[in-house]
PDB file of N, CA and C in Angstrom:
ATOM      1  N   MET A   1       6.294  -6.198 -18.080  1.00  0.00           N
ATOM      2  CA  MET A   1       6.146  -6.999 -16.871  1.00  0.00           C
ATOM      3  C   MET A   1       4.659  -7.340 -16.697  1.00  0.00           C
ATOM      4  N   ASN A   2       4.365  -8.614 -16.440  1.00  0.00           N
ATOM      5  CA  ASN A   2       2.965  -9.010 -16.291  1.00  0.00           C
ATOM      6  C   ASN A   2       2.445  -8.691 -14.884  1.00  0.00           C
ATOM      7  N   ASP A   3       1.121  -8.725 -14.747  1.00  0.00           N
ATOM      8  CA  ASP A   3       0.496  -8.354 -13.479  1.00  0.00           C
ATOM      9  C   ASP A   3       0.940  -9.243 -12.319  1.00  0.00           C
ATOM     10  N   GLU A   4       1.182 -10.522 -12.592  1.00  0.00           N
ATOM     11  CA  GLU A   4       1.615 -11.439 -11.530  1.00  0.00           C
ATOM     12  C   GLU A   4       2.953 -10.982 -10.925  1.00  0.00           C
ATOM     13  N   LYS A   5       3.886 -10.583 -11.776  1.00  0.00           N
ATOM     14  CA  LYS A   5       5.189 -10.109 -11.296  1.00  0.00           C
ATOM     15  C   LYS A   5       5.047  -8.765 -10.584  1.00  0.00           C
ATOM     16  N   ILE A   6       4.164  -7.916 -11.099  1.00  0.00           N
ATOM     17  CA  ILE A   6       3.932  -6.616 -10.463  1.00  0.00           C
ATOM     18  C   ILE A   6       3.359  -6.814  -9.067  1.00  0.00           C
ATOM     19  N   VAL A   7       2.387  -7.699  -8.934  1.00  0.00           N
ATOM     20  CA  VAL A   7       1.774  -7.961  -7.621  1.00  0.00           C
ATOM     21  C   VAL A   7       2.825  -8.493  -6.645  1.00  0.00           C
ATOM     22  N   LYS A   8       3.691  -9.365  -7.113  1.00  0.00           N
ATOM     23  CA  LYS A   8       4.749  -9.896  -6.246  1.00  0.00           C
ATOM     24  C   LYS A   8       5.648  -8.765  -5.745  1.00  0.00           C
ATOM     25  N   LEU A   9       6.036  -7.855  -6.637  1.00  0.00           N
ATOM     26  CA  LEU A   9       6.861  -6.712  -6.244  1.00  0.00           C
ATOM     27  C   LEU A   9       6.123  -5.771  -5.282  1.00  0.00           C
ATOM     28  N   ILE A  10       4.829  -5.571  -5.528  1.00  0.00           N
ATOM     29  CA  ILE A  10       4.021  -4.731  -4.646  1.00  0.00           C
ATOM     30  C   ILE A  10       4.030  -5.309  -3.234  1.00  0.00           C
ATOM     31  N   LYS A  11       3.787  -6.606  -3.122  1.00  0.00           N
ATOM     32  CA  LYS A  11       3.746  -7.250  -1.806  1.00  0.00           C
ATOM     33  C   LYS A  11       5.106  -7.178  -1.108  1.00  0.00           C
ATOM     34  N   GLN A  12       6.191  -7.355  -1.861  1.00  0.00           N
ATOM     35  CA  GLN A  12       7.533  -7.243  -1.279  1.00  0.00           C
ATOM     36  C   GLN A  12       7.779  -5.827  -0.762  1.00  0.00           C
ATOM     37  N   THR A  13       7.355  -4.844  -1.519  1.00  0.00           N
ATOM     38  CA  THR A  13       7.546  -3.449  -1.135  1.00  0.00           C
ATOM     39  C   THR A  13       6.719  -3.105   0.094  1.00  0.00           C
ATOM     40  N   LEU A  14       5.484  -3.591   0.157  1.00  0.00           N
ATOM     41  CA  LEU A  14       4.649  -3.327   1.333  1.00  0.00           C
ATOM     42  C   LEU A  14       5.248  -3.955   2.589  1.00  0.00           C
ATOM     43  N   ARG A  15       5.915  -5.101   2.439  1.00  0.00           N
ATOM     44  CA  ARG A  15       6.561  -5.743   3.591  1.00  0.00           C
ATOM     45  C   ARG A  15       7.653  -4.846   4.170  1.00  0.00           C
ATOM     46  N   LYS A  16       8.311  -4.060   3.320  1.00  0.00           N
ATOM     47  CA  LYS A  16       9.350  -3.130   3.795  1.00  0.00           C
ATOM     48  C   LYS A  16       8.757  -2.037   4.689  1.00  0.00           C
ATOM     49  N   LEU A  17       7.518  -1.647   4.415  1.00  0.00           N
ATOM     50  CA  LEU A  17       6.877  -0.574   5.178  1.00  0.00           C
ATOM     51  C   LEU A  17       6.217  -1.063   6.461  1.00  0.00           C
ATOM     52  N   ARG A  18       5.886  -2.336   6.501  1.00  0.00           N
ATOM     53  CA  ARG A  18       5.135  -2.887   7.633  1.00  0.00           C
ATOM     54  C   ARG A  18       5.743  -2.596   9.004  1.00  0.00           C
ATOM     55  N   PRO A  19       7.055  -2.749   9.192  1.00  0.00           N
ATOM     56  CA  PRO A  19       7.607  -2.489  10.532  1.00  0.00           C
ATOM     57  C   PRO A  19       7.349  -1.066  11.034  1.00  0.00           C
ATOM     58  N   TYR A  20       7.348  -0.101  10.137  1.00  0.00           N
ATOM     59  CA  TYR A  20       7.099   1.291  10.536  1.00  0.00           C
ATOM     60  C   TYR A  20       5.650   1.497  10.946  1.00  0.00           C
ATOM     61  N   LEU A  21       4.737   0.876  10.215  1.00  0.00           N
ATOM     62  CA  LEU A  21       3.328   0.971  10.569  1.00  0.00           C
ATOM     63  C   LEU A  21       3.038   0.190  11.846  1.00  0.00           C
ATOM     64  N   ASN A  22       3.651  -0.996  11.970  1.00  0.00           N
ATOM     65  CA  ASN A  22       3.452  -1.826  13.166  1.00  0.00           C
ATOM     66  C   ASN A  22       3.947  -1.132  14.425  1.00  0.00           C
ATOM     67  N   ALA A  23       5.003  -0.351  14.298  1.00  0.00           N
ATOM     68  CA  ALA A  23       5.569   0.348  15.461  1.00  0.00           C
ATOM     69  C   ALA A  23       4.559   1.308  16.084  1.00  0.00           C
ATOM     70  N   ASP A  24       3.644   1.814  15.276  1.00  0.00           N
ATOM     71  CA  ASP A  24       2.604   2.712  15.773  1.00  0.00           C
ATOM     72  C   ASP A  24       1.267   2.009  15.960  1.00  0.00           C
ATOM     73  N   GLY A  25       1.266   0.679  15.878  1.00  0.00           N
ATOM     74  CA  GLY A  25       0.046  -0.091  16.103  1.00  0.00           C
ATOM     75  C   GLY A  25      -0.821  -0.271  14.873  1.00  0.00           C
ATOM     76  N   GLY A  26      -0.286   0.051  13.698  1.00  0.00           N
ATOM     77  CA  GLY A  26      -1.068  -0.073  12.473  1.00  0.00           C
ATOM     78  C   GLY A  26      -0.530  -1.141  11.554  1.00  0.00           C
ATOM     79  N   ASP A  27      -1.187  -1.294  10.419  1.00  0.00           N
ATOM     80  CA  ASP A  27      -0.741  -2.247   9.408  1.00  0.00           C
ATOM     81  C   ASP A  27      -1.444  -1.915   8.094  1.00  0.00           C
ATOM     82  N   ILE A  28      -1.017  -2.579   7.044  1.00  0.00           N
ATOM     83  CA  ILE A  28      -1.576  -2.372   5.720  1.00  0.00           C
ATOM     84  C   ILE A  28      -1.635  -3.718   5.016  1.00  0.00           C
ATOM     85  N   ASP A  29      -2.723  -3.950   4.287  1.00  0.00           N
ATOM     86  CA  ASP A  29      -2.892  -5.184   3.521  1.00  0.00           C
ATOM     87  C   ASP A  29      -3.117  -4.853   2.058  1.00  0.00           C
ATOM     88  N   PHE A  30      -2.484  -5.626   1.187  1.00  0.00           N
ATOM     89  CA  PHE A  30      -2.719  -5.529  -0.251  1.00  0.00           C
ATOM     90  C   PHE A  30      -4.094  -6.113  -0.552  1.00  0.00           C
ATOM     91  N   VAL A  31      -4.894  -5.409  -1.353  1.00  0.00           N
ATOM     92  CA  VAL A  31      -6.208  -5.904  -1.752  1.00  0.00           C
ATOM     93  C   VAL A  31      -6.165  -6.357  -3.211  1.00  0.00           C
ATOM     94  N   ARG A  32      -5.749  -5.432  -4.112  1.00  0.00           N
ATOM     95  CA  ARG A  32      -5.667  -5.800  -5.522  1.00  0.00           C
ATOM     96  C   ARG A  32      -4.859  -4.755  -6.285  1.00  0.00           C
ATOM     97  N   PHE A  33      -4.478  -5.120  -7.506  1.00  0.00           N
ATOM     98  CA  PHE A  33      -3.801  -4.207  -8.428  1.00  0.00           C
ATOM     99  C   PHE A  33      -4.623  -4.186  -9.700  1.00  0.00           C
ATOM    100  N   GLN A  34      -5.056  -2.986 -10.101  1.00  0.00           N
ATOM    101  CA  GLN A  34      -5.922  -2.883 -11.279  1.00  0.00           C
ATOM    102  C   GLN A  34      -5.679  -1.552 -11.981  1.00  0.00           C
ATOM    103  N   ASP A  35      -5.401  -1.609 -13.260  1.00  0.00           N
ATOM    104  CA  ASP A  35      -5.205  -0.411 -14.084  1.00  0.00           C
ATOM    105  C   ASP A  35      -4.160   0.540 -13.514  1.00  0.00           C
ATOM    106  N   GLY A  36      -3.090  -0.018 -12.953  1.00  0.00           N
ATOM    107  CA  GLY A  36      -2.002   0.792 -12.428  1.00  0.00           C
ATOM    108  C   GLY A  36      -2.190   1.261 -11.003  1.00  0.00           C
ATOM    109  N   ILE A  37      -3.354   0.998 -10.430  1.00  0.00           N
ATOM    110  CA  ILE A  37      -3.661   1.436  -9.065  1.00  0.00           C
ATOM    111  C   ILE A  37      -3.519   0.259  -8.104  1.00  0.00           C
ATOM    112  N   VAL A  38      -2.821   0.508  -6.992  1.00  0.00           N
ATOM    113  CA  VAL A  38      -2.702  -0.475  -5.925  1.00  0.00           C
ATOM    114  C   VAL A  38      -3.772  -0.142  -4.891  1.00  0.00           C
ATOM    115  N   TYR A  39      -4.636  -1.103  -4.614  1.00  0.00           N
ATOM    116  CA  TYR A  39      -5.685  -0.922  -3.616  1.00  0.00           C
ATOM    117  C   TYR A  39      -5.238  -1.607  -2.337  1.00  0.00           C
ATOM    118  N   VAL A  40      -5.282  -0.862  -1.234  1.00  0.00           N
ATOM    119  CA  VAL A  40      -4.838  -1.385   0.054  1.00  0.00           C
ATOM    120  C   VAL A  40      -5.913  -1.133   1.105  1.00  0.00           C
ATOM    121  N   LYS A  41      -5.830  -1.888   2.161  1.00  0.00           N
ATOM    122  CA  LYS A  41      -6.716  -1.743   3.314  1.00  0.00           C
ATOM    123  C   LYS A  41      -5.832  -1.423   4.512  1.00  0.00           C
ATOM    124  N   VAL A  42      -6.191  -0.403   5.277  1.00  0.00           N
ATOM    125  CA  VAL A  42      -5.418  -0.082   6.476  1.00  0.00           C
ATOM    126  C   VAL A  42      -6.050  -0.771   7.678  1.00  0.00           C
ATOM    127  N   LEU A  43      -5.194  -1.141   8.624  1.00  0.00           N
ATOM    128  CA  LEU A  43      -5.635  -1.919   9.784  1.00  0.00           C
ATOM    129  C   LEU A  43      -5.124  -1.294  11.077  1.00  0.00           C
ATOM    130  N   GLY A  44      -5.694  -1.738  12.180  1.00  0.00           N
ATOM    131  CA  GLY A  44      -5.217  -1.321  13.499  1.00  0.00           C
ATOM    132  C   GLY A  44      -5.321   0.177  13.711  1.00  0.00           C
ATOM    133  N   ALA A  45      -4.269   0.754  14.270  1.00  0.00           N
ATOM    134  CA  ALA A  45      -4.255   2.168  14.603  1.00  0.00           C
ATOM    135  C   ALA A  45      -4.337   3.068  13.372  1.00  0.00           C
ATOM    136  N   CYS A  46      -4.088   2.525  12.181  1.00  0.00           N
ATOM    137  CA  CYS A  46      -4.176   3.333  10.952  1.00  0.00           C
ATOM    138  C   CYS A  46      -5.624   3.710  10.629  1.00  0.00           C
ATOM    139  N   ILE A  47      -6.572   2.889  11.088  1.00  0.00           N
ATOM    140  CA  ILE A  47      -7.985   3.171  10.829  1.00  0.00           C
ATOM    141  C   ILE A  47      -8.366   4.429  11.600  1.00  0.00           C
ATOM    142  N   GLY A  48      -8.815   5.421  10.878  1.00  0.00           N
ATOM    143  CA  GLY A  48      -9.246   6.660  11.508  1.00  0.00           C
ATOM    144  C   GLY A  48      -8.114   7.604  11.897  1.00  0.00           C
ATOM    145  N   CYS A  49      -6.877   7.230  11.627  1.00  0.00           N
ATOM    146  CA  CYS A  49      -5.743   8.082  11.973  1.00  0.00           C
ATOM    147  C   CYS A  49      -5.758   9.333  11.092  1.00  0.00           C
ATOM    148  N   SER A  50      -5.541  10.478  11.696  1.00  0.00           N
ATOM    149  CA  SER A  50      -5.564  11.727  10.934  1.00  0.00           C
ATOM    150  C   SER A  50      -4.375  11.849   9.986  1.00  0.00           C
ATOM    151  N   SER A  51      -3.339  11.049  10.185  1.00  0.00           N
ATOM    152  CA  SER A  51      -2.147  11.117   9.335  1.00  0.00           C
ATOM    153  C   SER A  51      -2.116  10.069   8.233  1.00  0.00           C
ATOM    154  N   ILE A  52      -3.159   9.241   8.124  1.00  0.00           N
ATOM    155  CA  ILE A  52      -3.094   8.136   7.166  1.00  0.00           C
ATOM    156  C   ILE A  52      -3.008   8.629   5.722  1.00  0.00           C
ATOM    157  N   GLY A  53      -3.644   9.721   5.401  1.00  0.00           N
ATOM    158  CA  GLY A  53      -3.554  10.263   4.042  1.00  0.00           C
ATOM    159  C   GLY A  53      -2.123  10.616   3.675  1.00  0.00           C
ATOM    160  N   ASP A  54      -1.432  11.281   4.605  1.00  0.00           N
ATOM    161  CA  ASP A  54      -0.029  11.633   4.376  1.00  0.00           C
ATOM    162  C   ASP A  54       0.839  10.385   4.312  1.00  0.00           C
ATOM    163  N   THR A  55       0.574   9.415   5.164  1.00  0.00           N
ATOM    164  CA  THR A  55       1.354   8.174   5.171  1.00  0.00           C
ATOM    165  C   THR A  55       1.199   7.444   3.839  1.00  0.00           C
ATOM    166  N   ILE A  56      -0.038   7.371   3.355  1.00  0.00           N
ATOM    167  CA  ILE A  56      -0.278   6.684   2.082  1.00  0.00           C
ATOM    168  C   ILE A  56       0.453   7.410   0.955  1.00  0.00           C
ATOM    169  N   THR A  57       0.301   8.724   0.882  1.00  0.00           N
ATOM    170  CA  THR A  57       0.907   9.492  -0.214  1.00  0.00           C
ATOM    171  C   THR A  57       2.425   9.568  -0.113  1.00  0.00           C
ATOM    172  N   ASN A  58       2.934   9.931   1.048  1.00  0.00           N
ATOM    173  CA  ASN A  58       4.366  10.211   1.195  1.00  0.00           C
ATOM    174  C   ASN A  58       5.224   8.984   1.462  1.00  0.00           C
ATOM    175  N   SER A  59       4.629   7.904   1.894  1.00  0.00           N
ATOM    176  CA  SER A  59       5.411   6.695   2.184  1.00  0.00           C
ATOM    177  C   SER A  59       5.032   5.544   1.262  1.00  0.00           C
ATOM    178  N   VAL A  60       3.793   5.093   1.369  1.00  0.00           N
ATOM    179  CA  VAL A  60       3.368   3.909   0.621  1.00  0.00           C
ATOM    180  C   VAL A  60       3.407   4.177  -0.887  1.00  0.00           C
ATOM    181  N   GLU A  61       2.708   5.210  -1.326  1.00  0.00           N
ATOM    182  CA  GLU A  61       2.659   5.499  -2.759  1.00  0.00           C
ATOM    183  C   GLU A  61       4.032   5.873  -3.303  1.00  0.00           C
ATOM    184  N   ALA A  62       4.756   6.708  -2.572  1.00  0.00           N
ATOM    185  CA  ALA A  62       6.078   7.140  -3.043  1.00  0.00           C
ATOM    186  C   ALA A  62       7.004   5.950  -3.258  1.00  0.00           C
ATOM    187  N   LEU A  63       7.025   5.014  -2.310  1.00  0.00           N
ATOM    188  CA  LEU A  63       7.905   3.848  -2.435  1.00  0.00           C
ATOM    189  C   LEU A  63       7.448   2.920  -3.563  1.00  0.00           C
ATOM    190  N   LEU A  64       6.145   2.708  -3.676  1.00  0.00           N
ATOM    191  CA  LEU A  64       5.643   1.842  -4.751  1.00  0.00           C
ATOM    192  C   LEU A  64       5.922   2.450  -6.128  1.00  0.00           C
ATOM    193  N   LEU A  65       5.750   3.752  -6.267  1.00  0.00           N
ATOM    194  CA  LEU A  65       6.031   4.404  -7.550  1.00  0.00           C
ATOM    195  C   LEU A  65       7.509   4.274  -7.910  1.00  0.00           C
ATOM    196  N   GLU A  66       8.365   4.334  -6.907  1.00  0.00           N
ATOM    197  CA  GLU A  66       9.803   4.245  -7.125  1.00  0.00           C
ATOM    198  C   GLU A  66      10.262   2.826  -7.454  1.00  0.00           C
ATOM    199  N   GLU A  67       9.668   1.840  -6.791  1.00  0.00           N
ATOM    200  CA  GLU A  67      10.190   0.480  -6.872  1.00  0.00           C
ATOM    201  C   GLU A  67       9.431  -0.473  -7.796  1.00  0.00           C
ATOM    202  N   VAL A  68       8.197  -0.137  -8.178  1.00  0.00           N
ATOM    203  CA  VAL A  68       7.385  -1.084  -8.938  1.00  0.00           C
ATOM    204  C   VAL A  68       6.928  -0.460 -10.260  1.00  0.00           C
ATOM    205  N   PRO A  69       7.496  -0.911 -11.368  1.00  0.00           N
ATOM    206  CA  PRO A  69       7.063  -0.406 -12.677  1.00  0.00           C
ATOM    207  C   PRO A  69       5.586  -0.723 -12.908  1.00  0.00           C
ATOM    208  N   GLY A  70       4.864   0.231 -13.448  1.00  0.00           N
ATOM    209  CA  GLY A  70       3.448   0.011 -13.745  1.00  0.00           C
ATOM    210  C   GLY A  70       2.508   0.571 -12.710  1.00  0.00           C
ATOM    211  N   VAL A  71       3.003   0.894 -11.520  1.00  0.00           N
ATOM    212  CA  VAL A  71       2.159   1.479 -10.477  1.00  0.00           C
ATOM    213  C   VAL A  71       2.062   2.979 -10.729  1.00  0.00           C
ATOM    214  N   ILE A  72       0.821   3.485 -10.751  1.00  0.00           N
ATOM    215  CA  ILE A  72       0.611   4.918 -10.956  1.00  0.00           C
ATOM    216  C   ILE A  72      -0.060   5.592  -9.755  1.00  0.00           C
ATOM    217  N   GLY A  73      -0.509   4.795  -8.789  1.00  0.00           N
ATOM    218  CA  GLY A  73      -1.149   5.386  -7.616  1.00  0.00           C
ATOM    219  C   GLY A  73      -1.558   4.343  -6.616  1.00  0.00           C
ATOM    220  N   VAL A  74      -2.002   4.824  -5.444  1.00  0.00           N
ATOM    221  CA  VAL A  74      -2.458   3.953  -4.356  1.00  0.00           C
ATOM    222  C   VAL A  74      -3.790   4.502  -3.854  1.00  0.00           C
ATOM    223  N   GLU A  75      -4.741   3.610  -3.636  1.00  0.00           N
ATOM    224  CA  GLU A  75      -6.045   3.971  -3.083  1.00  0.00           C
ATOM    225  C   GLU A  75      -6.333   3.087  -1.873  1.00  0.00           C
ATOM    226  N   VAL A  76      -6.921   3.682  -0.848  1.00  0.00           N
ATOM    227  CA  VAL A  76      -7.336   2.933   0.336  1.00  0.00           C
ATOM    228  C   VAL A  76      -8.786   2.533   0.158  1.00  0.00           C
ATOM    229  N   VAL A  77      -9.085   1.267   0.433  1.00  0.00           N
ATOM    230  CA  VAL A  77     -10.455   0.773   0.362  1.00  0.00           C
ATOM    231  C   VAL A  77     -10.898   0.324   1.747  1.00  0.00           C
ATOM    232  N   GLU A  78     -12.201   0.382   1.961  1.00  0.00           N
ATOM    233  CA  GLU A  78     -12.763  -0.034   3.250  1.00  0.00           C
ATOM    234  C   GLU A  78     -12.880  -1.552   3.340  1.00  0.00           C
ATOM    235  N   GLU A  79     -13.392  -2.144   2.285  1.00  0.00           N
ATOM    236  CA  GLU A  79     -13.627  -3.583   2.267  1.00  0.00           C
ATOM    237  C   GLU A  79     -12.931  -4.206   1.066  1.00  0.00           C
ATOM    238  N   GLU A  80     -12.554  -5.457   1.198  1.00  0.00           N
ATOM    239  CA  GLU A  80     -11.971  -6.177   0.061  1.00  0.00           C
ATOM    240  C   GLU A  80     -13.050  -6.415  -0.975  1.00  0.00           C
ATOM    241  N   ILE A  81     -12.703  -6.163  -2.221  1.00  0.00           N
ATOM    242  CA  ILE A  81     -13.683  -6.311  -3.310  1.00  0.00           C
ATOM    243  C   ILE A  81     -13.273  -7.484  -4.175  1.00  0.00           C
TER     244      ILE A  81
END
């Protein structure tokens, strides 16, 4: 699967999680996909939230690993690069 198709699947998968994050006043944006890592930016109430590490690992990363071939991890970035 090429990177273009992987990115499309990543974005579709992140859309599935958005309502749960939005319910608590937060959000997540796709930044880039590189070397198997999905880079995301957290927004709203997710910024500075003490639970964001668990949310990224147990929800975002877990779902992406399950649904998107080629994804090996998720990293949060401060700024878009």
